[in-house]
Amino acid sequence: MLIRESDFVVLTTQQANADLDSVTEWSKTIRREGVQFTFLLGRTYRQQRNFDAAKARLNDEGDLCPFDVRAAVSVDDSDKLGIGNMEIRGDRCGEDFRGVWGYVAKRLGFAKKEA
């Protein structure tokens, strides 16, 4: 299975139950193969009541990235422009992506460069 060649897997999901059912099932396969992983909530709506329930469920199932990527039109806009959200001045999603990358980089053992 190709997954065995991975050092680390980011399992992305949205906060809907159908998505959570699917990703938690897939995580069992990844765990069985001995590969490290983290769950990442994306396209989140933090104000909806299922957001906290989704975080709790994923945390119960395995490692949950402490950052989520909120739903925003700017994510689609940045894709159309061929740039990242961190390149859009004042874009809050850029900070979401920065947090996710920082967490994944730490899990992969990348040292933060000194300024």
N, C-alpha and C. Protein backbone atom coordinates (compact mmCIF):
# COMPACT_ATOMS: atom_id res chain seq x y z
N MET A 1 0.84 -1.17 0.00
CA MET A 1 0.00 0.00 0.00
C MET A 1 0.89 1.24 0.00
N LEU A 2 0.61 2.18 -0.84
CA LEU A 2 1.42 3.39 -1.01
C LEU A 2 1.55 4.19 0.29
N ILE A 3 0.54 4.16 1.11
CA ILE A 3 0.56 4.95 2.35
C ILE A 3 1.75 4.60 3.23
N ARG A 4 2.27 3.40 3.11
CA ARG A 4 3.43 2.96 3.91
C ARG A 4 4.68 3.80 3.62
N GLU A 5 4.73 4.41 2.45
CA GLU A 5 5.88 5.22 2.07
C GLU A 5 5.83 6.63 2.67
N SER A 6 4.74 6.96 3.30
CA SER A 6 4.56 8.31 3.85
C SER A 6 5.24 8.46 5.20
N ASP A 7 5.80 9.63 5.43
CA ASP A 7 6.34 9.96 6.75
C ASP A 7 5.24 10.49 7.66
N PHE A 8 4.30 11.20 7.04
CA PHE A 8 3.26 11.86 7.82
C PHE A 8 2.09 12.16 6.88
N VAL A 9 0.88 12.00 7.36
CA VAL A 9 -0.31 12.24 6.54
C VAL A 9 -1.21 13.26 7.23
N VAL A 10 -1.66 14.23 6.48
CA VAL A 10 -2.64 15.20 6.97
C VAL A 10 -4.00 14.78 6.40
N LEU A 11 -4.88 14.38 7.30
CA LEU A 11 -6.22 13.95 6.90
C LEU A 11 -7.17 15.14 7.02
N THR A 12 -7.52 15.70 5.89
CA THR A 12 -8.40 16.86 5.90
C THR A 12 -9.86 16.43 5.90
N THR A 13 -10.66 17.21 6.57
CA THR A 13 -12.09 16.93 6.64
C THR A 13 -12.84 18.21 6.93
N GLN A 14 -14.11 18.18 6.62
CA GLN A 14 -14.99 19.26 7.04
C GLN A 14 -15.72 18.80 8.29
N GLN A 15 -16.52 19.65 8.87
CA GLN A 15 -17.13 19.35 10.16
C GLN A 15 -18.45 18.60 10.08
N ALA A 16 -18.92 18.26 8.90
CA ALA A 16 -20.17 17.51 8.75
C ALA A 16 -19.97 16.05 9.14
N ASN A 17 -20.99 15.44 9.69
CA ASN A 17 -20.89 14.06 10.17
C ASN A 17 -20.46 13.08 9.09
N ALA A 18 -20.96 13.22 7.88
CA ALA A 18 -20.59 12.29 6.81
C ALA A 18 -19.09 12.36 6.53
N ASP A 19 -18.54 13.56 6.55
CA ASP A 19 -17.09 13.72 6.35
C ASP A 19 -16.31 13.11 7.51
N LEU A 20 -16.78 13.35 8.71
CA LEU A 20 -16.10 12.80 9.89
C LEU A 20 -16.14 11.28 9.89
N ASP A 21 -17.28 10.71 9.50
CA ASP A 21 -17.38 9.24 9.41
C ASP A 21 -16.34 8.69 8.45
N SER A 22 -16.22 9.31 7.30
CA SER A 22 -15.29 8.85 6.28
C SER A 22 -13.84 8.96 6.73
N VAL A 23 -13.46 10.12 7.26
CA VAL A 23 -12.06 10.34 7.61
C VAL A 23 -11.64 9.51 8.83
N THR A 24 -12.55 9.29 9.76
CA THR A 24 -12.17 8.47 10.91
C THR A 24 -12.00 7.00 10.49
N GLU A 25 -12.78 6.57 9.53
CA GLU A 25 -12.61 5.21 9.01
C GLU A 25 -11.26 5.07 8.30
N TRP A 26 -10.91 6.06 7.50
CA TRP A 26 -9.64 6.05 6.77
C TRP A 26 -8.47 6.10 7.76
N SER A 27 -8.64 6.82 8.87
CA SER A 27 -7.56 6.92 9.85
C SER A 27 -7.23 5.55 10.46
N LYS A 28 -8.19 4.69 10.54
CA LYS A 28 -7.94 3.34 11.07
C LYS A 28 -6.97 2.57 10.16
N THR A 29 -7.12 2.75 8.86
CA THR A 29 -6.21 2.11 7.91
C THR A 29 -4.80 2.69 8.07
N ILE A 30 -4.72 3.99 8.16
CA ILE A 30 -3.42 4.65 8.30
C ILE A 30 -2.73 4.22 9.59
N ARG A 31 -3.50 4.18 10.66
CA ARG A 31 -2.94 3.75 11.95
C ARG A 31 -2.45 2.30 11.86
N ARG A 32 -3.25 1.45 11.24
CA ARG A 32 -2.88 0.04 11.09
C ARG A 32 -1.58 -0.12 10.31
N GLU A 33 -1.33 0.79 9.36
CA GLU A 33 -0.10 0.75 8.57
C GLU A 33 1.08 1.38 9.31
N GLY A 34 0.84 1.92 10.48
CA GLY A 34 1.92 2.47 11.30
C GLY A 34 2.41 3.84 10.87
N VAL A 35 1.59 4.59 10.16
CA VAL A 35 1.98 5.91 9.67
C VAL A 35 1.41 6.98 10.60
N GLN A 36 2.23 7.97 10.93
CA GLN A 36 1.77 9.08 11.75
C GLN A 36 0.83 9.98 10.94
N PHE A 37 -0.16 10.54 11.62
CA PHE A 37 -1.11 11.41 10.93
C PHE A 37 -1.69 12.43 11.90
N THR A 38 -2.30 13.44 11.31
CA THR A 38 -3.09 14.39 12.08
C THR A 38 -4.36 14.69 11.29
N PHE A 39 -5.42 14.97 12.00
CA PHE A 39 -6.65 15.44 11.37
C PHE A 39 -6.55 16.95 11.22
N LEU A 40 -7.11 17.47 10.13
CA LEU A 40 -7.17 18.91 9.91
C LEU A 40 -8.58 19.27 9.48
N LEU A 41 -9.21 20.12 10.27
CA LEU A 41 -10.53 20.63 9.90
C LEU A 41 -10.38 21.80 8.94
N GLY A 42 -11.05 21.71 7.81
CA GLY A 42 -11.01 22.77 6.81
C GLY A 42 -12.42 23.21 6.43
N ARG A 43 -12.48 24.37 5.81
CA ARG A 43 -13.77 24.98 5.45
C ARG A 43 -14.68 25.04 6.67
N THR A 44 -14.11 25.48 7.76
CA THR A 44 -14.87 25.47 9.01
C THR A 44 -15.75 26.70 9.17
N TYR A 45 -16.80 26.47 9.89
CA TYR A 45 -17.72 27.52 10.34
C TYR A 45 -17.68 27.45 11.85
N ARG A 46 -16.82 28.24 12.44
CA ARG A 46 -16.56 28.16 13.87
C ARG A 46 -17.77 28.49 14.73
N GLN A 47 -18.70 29.27 14.20
CA GLN A 47 -19.86 29.67 14.98
C GLN A 47 -20.95 28.60 15.01
N GLN A 48 -20.85 27.58 14.18
CA GLN A 48 -21.86 26.52 14.18
C GLN A 48 -21.59 25.54 15.31
N ARG A 49 -22.65 25.02 15.89
CA ARG A 49 -22.50 24.16 17.07
C ARG A 49 -21.78 22.85 16.76
N ASN A 50 -21.80 22.40 15.50
CA ASN A 50 -21.11 21.14 15.20
C ASN A 50 -19.59 21.29 15.10
N PHE A 51 -19.09 22.52 15.13
CA PHE A 51 -17.65 22.74 15.07
C PHE A 51 -16.95 22.15 16.30
N ASP A 52 -17.41 22.50 17.47
CA ASP A 52 -16.80 21.97 18.69
C ASP A 52 -17.00 20.46 18.80
N ALA A 53 -18.15 19.98 18.38
CA ALA A 53 -18.40 18.53 18.41
C ALA A 53 -17.45 17.80 17.46
N ALA A 54 -17.19 18.38 16.30
CA ALA A 54 -16.27 17.78 15.33
C ALA A 54 -14.86 17.74 15.91
N LYS A 55 -14.43 18.83 16.53
CA LYS A 55 -13.09 18.87 17.13
C LYS A 55 -12.96 17.79 18.21
N ALA A 56 -13.97 17.68 19.05
CA ALA A 56 -13.92 16.68 20.12
C ALA A 56 -13.87 15.26 19.56
N ARG A 57 -14.68 15.01 18.54
CA ARG A 57 -14.70 13.67 17.94
C ARG A 57 -13.35 13.31 17.32
N LEU A 58 -12.78 14.22 16.55
CA LEU A 58 -11.49 13.95 15.92
C LEU A 58 -10.38 13.80 16.96
N ASN A 59 -10.42 14.62 17.98
CA ASN A 59 -9.43 14.52 19.04
C ASN A 59 -9.51 13.16 19.75
N ASP A 60 -10.71 12.63 19.89
CA ASP A 60 -10.89 11.29 20.48
C ASP A 60 -10.32 10.20 19.58
N GLU A 61 -10.33 10.44 18.28
CA GLU A 61 -9.90 9.43 17.31
C GLU A 61 -8.39 9.44 17.04
N GLY A 62 -7.74 10.54 17.34
CA GLY A 62 -6.31 10.64 17.05
C GLY A 62 -5.82 12.07 17.23
N ASP A 63 -4.68 12.37 16.65
CA ASP A 63 -4.10 13.70 16.76
C ASP A 63 -4.91 14.68 15.92
N LEU A 64 -5.22 15.82 16.51
CA LEU A 64 -5.95 16.87 15.80
C LEU A 64 -5.07 18.11 15.73
N CYS A 65 -4.84 18.59 14.52
CA CYS A 65 -4.10 19.83 14.35
C CYS A 65 -4.82 20.93 15.14
N PRO A 66 -4.09 21.69 15.97
CA PRO A 66 -4.75 22.71 16.78
C PRO A 66 -5.23 23.92 15.98
N PHE A 67 -4.93 23.95 14.70
CA PHE A 67 -5.40 25.03 13.84
C PHE A 67 -6.40 24.46 12.85
N ASP A 68 -7.39 25.25 12.49
CA ASP A 68 -8.33 24.87 11.43
C ASP A 68 -8.27 25.95 10.36
N VAL A 69 -8.80 25.63 9.19
CA VAL A 69 -8.86 26.61 8.10
C VAL A 69 -10.31 26.95 7.88
N ARG A 70 -10.65 28.18 8.18
CA ARG A 70 -12.05 28.60 8.09
C ARG A 70 -12.51 28.72 6.64
N ALA A 71 -13.81 28.59 6.46
CA ALA A 71 -14.42 28.76 5.14
C ALA A 71 -14.36 30.25 4.79
N ALA A 72 -13.87 30.55 3.60
CA ALA A 72 -13.78 31.94 3.17
C ALA A 72 -13.68 32.00 1.66
N VAL A 73 -14.31 33.01 1.10
CA VAL A 73 -14.24 33.22 -0.34
C VAL A 73 -12.81 33.47 -0.78
N SER A 74 -12.01 34.04 0.10
CA SER A 74 -10.62 34.36 -0.27
C SER A 74 -9.81 33.12 -0.63
N VAL A 75 -10.19 31.95 -0.10
CA VAL A 75 -9.46 30.73 -0.46
C VAL A 75 -9.68 30.43 -1.94
N ASP A 76 -10.90 30.55 -2.39
CA ASP A 76 -11.18 30.34 -3.82
C ASP A 76 -10.55 31.44 -4.66
N ASP A 77 -10.60 32.67 -4.16
CA ASP A 77 -9.99 33.79 -4.89
C ASP A 77 -8.49 33.59 -5.07
N SER A 78 -7.82 33.16 -4.00
CA SER A 78 -6.37 32.99 -4.09
C SER A 78 -6.01 31.90 -5.09
N ASP A 79 -6.85 30.87 -5.16
CA ASP A 79 -6.62 29.80 -6.13
C ASP A 79 -6.72 30.35 -7.55
N LYS A 80 -7.73 31.15 -7.81
CA LYS A 80 -7.90 31.73 -9.14
C LYS A 80 -6.73 32.63 -9.52
N LEU A 81 -6.19 33.32 -8.53
CA LEU A 81 -5.08 34.25 -8.78
C LEU A 81 -3.73 33.54 -8.82
N GLY A 82 -3.70 32.30 -8.39
CA GLY A 82 -2.45 31.55 -8.38
C GLY A 82 -1.50 31.97 -7.27
N ILE A 83 -2.06 32.45 -6.17
CA ILE A 83 -1.25 32.87 -5.03
C ILE A 83 -1.78 32.19 -3.77
N GLY A 84 -1.01 32.28 -2.71
CA GLY A 84 -1.45 31.74 -1.42
C GLY A 84 -2.17 32.79 -0.62
N ASN A 85 -2.98 32.35 0.32
CA ASN A 85 -3.71 33.30 1.15
C ASN A 85 -2.78 34.16 2.01
N MET A 86 -1.59 33.66 2.32
CA MET A 86 -0.65 34.46 3.10
C MET A 86 -0.15 35.65 2.30
N GLU A 87 -0.33 35.60 0.99
CA GLU A 87 0.11 36.70 0.13
C GLU A 87 -0.95 37.77 -0.04
N ILE A 88 -2.14 37.53 0.50
CA ILE A 88 -3.22 38.51 0.42
C ILE A 88 -3.21 39.33 1.71
N ARG A 89 -2.89 40.58 1.60
CA ARG A 89 -2.78 41.45 2.77
C ARG A 89 -4.08 41.45 3.57
N GLY A 90 -3.95 41.18 4.86
CA GLY A 90 -5.10 41.24 5.76
C GLY A 90 -6.01 40.02 5.71
N ASP A 91 -5.64 39.01 4.94
CA ASP A 91 -6.50 37.83 4.83
C ASP A 91 -6.34 36.95 6.07
N ARG A 92 -7.43 36.71 6.77
CA ARG A 92 -7.37 35.91 8.00
C ARG A 92 -7.04 34.45 7.72
N CYS A 93 -7.45 33.95 6.57
CA CYS A 93 -7.15 32.55 6.25
C CYS A 93 -5.66 32.32 6.08
N GLY A 94 -4.94 33.34 5.69
CA GLY A 94 -3.49 33.21 5.60
C GLY A 94 -2.89 32.81 6.94
N GLU A 95 -3.41 33.38 8.01
CA GLU A 95 -2.95 33.02 9.35
C GLU A 95 -3.34 31.59 9.70
N ASP A 96 -4.50 31.15 9.22
CA ASP A 96 -4.91 29.76 9.43
C ASP A 96 -3.91 28.82 8.78
N PHE A 97 -3.57 29.08 7.52
CA PHE A 97 -2.62 28.24 6.80
C PHE A 97 -1.23 28.29 7.44
N ARG A 98 -0.84 29.46 7.91
CA ARG A 98 0.46 29.60 8.56
C ARG A 98 0.50 28.73 9.83
N GLY A 99 -0.56 28.74 10.59
CA GLY A 99 -0.63 27.92 11.79
C GLY A 99 -0.57 26.44 11.48
N VAL A 100 -1.31 26.01 10.45
CA VAL A 100 -1.30 24.61 10.05
C VAL A 100 0.11 24.20 9.62
N TRP A 101 0.74 25.02 8.78
CA TRP A 101 2.08 24.68 8.32
C TRP A 101 3.06 24.61 9.49
N GLY A 102 2.97 25.54 10.41
CA GLY A 102 3.86 25.52 11.57
C GLY A 102 3.70 24.23 12.37
N TYR A 103 2.48 23.79 12.54
CA TYR A 103 2.22 22.56 13.29
C TYR A 103 2.77 21.34 12.54
N VAL A 104 2.48 21.26 11.25
CA VAL A 104 2.94 20.11 10.46
C VAL A 104 4.47 20.11 10.38
N ALA A 105 5.07 21.27 10.20
CA ALA A 105 6.53 21.36 10.14
C ALA A 105 7.15 20.86 11.44
N LYS A 106 6.55 21.23 12.56
CA LYS A 106 7.06 20.77 13.85
C LYS A 106 6.93 19.26 13.96
N ARG A 107 5.80 18.71 13.54
CA ARG A 107 5.60 17.26 13.59
C ARG A 107 6.60 16.52 12.70
N LEU A 108 7.00 17.16 11.60
CA LEU A 108 7.97 16.56 10.68
C LEU A 108 9.41 16.75 11.15
N GLY A 109 9.59 17.55 12.19
CA GLY A 109 10.93 17.76 12.72
C GLY A 109 11.71 18.86 12.04
N PHE A 110 11.03 19.73 11.29
CA PHE A 110 11.72 20.85 10.67
C PHE A 110 11.99 21.90 11.74
N ALA A 111 13.21 22.34 11.82
CA ALA A 111 13.56 23.37 12.79
C ALA A 111 13.12 24.73 12.27
N LYS A 112 12.62 25.54 13.15
CA LYS A 112 12.26 26.90 12.77
C LYS A 112 13.55 27.69 12.59
N LYS A 113 13.64 28.38 11.47
CA LYS A 113 14.85 29.17 11.17
C LYS A 113 14.90 30.40 12.07
N GLU A 114 16.09 30.67 12.57
CA GLU A 114 16.31 31.86 13.39
C GLU A 114 16.36 33.08 12.49
N ALA A 115 15.80 34.18 12.96
CA ALA A 115 15.79 35.42 12.19
C ALA A 115 17.12 36.09 12.22
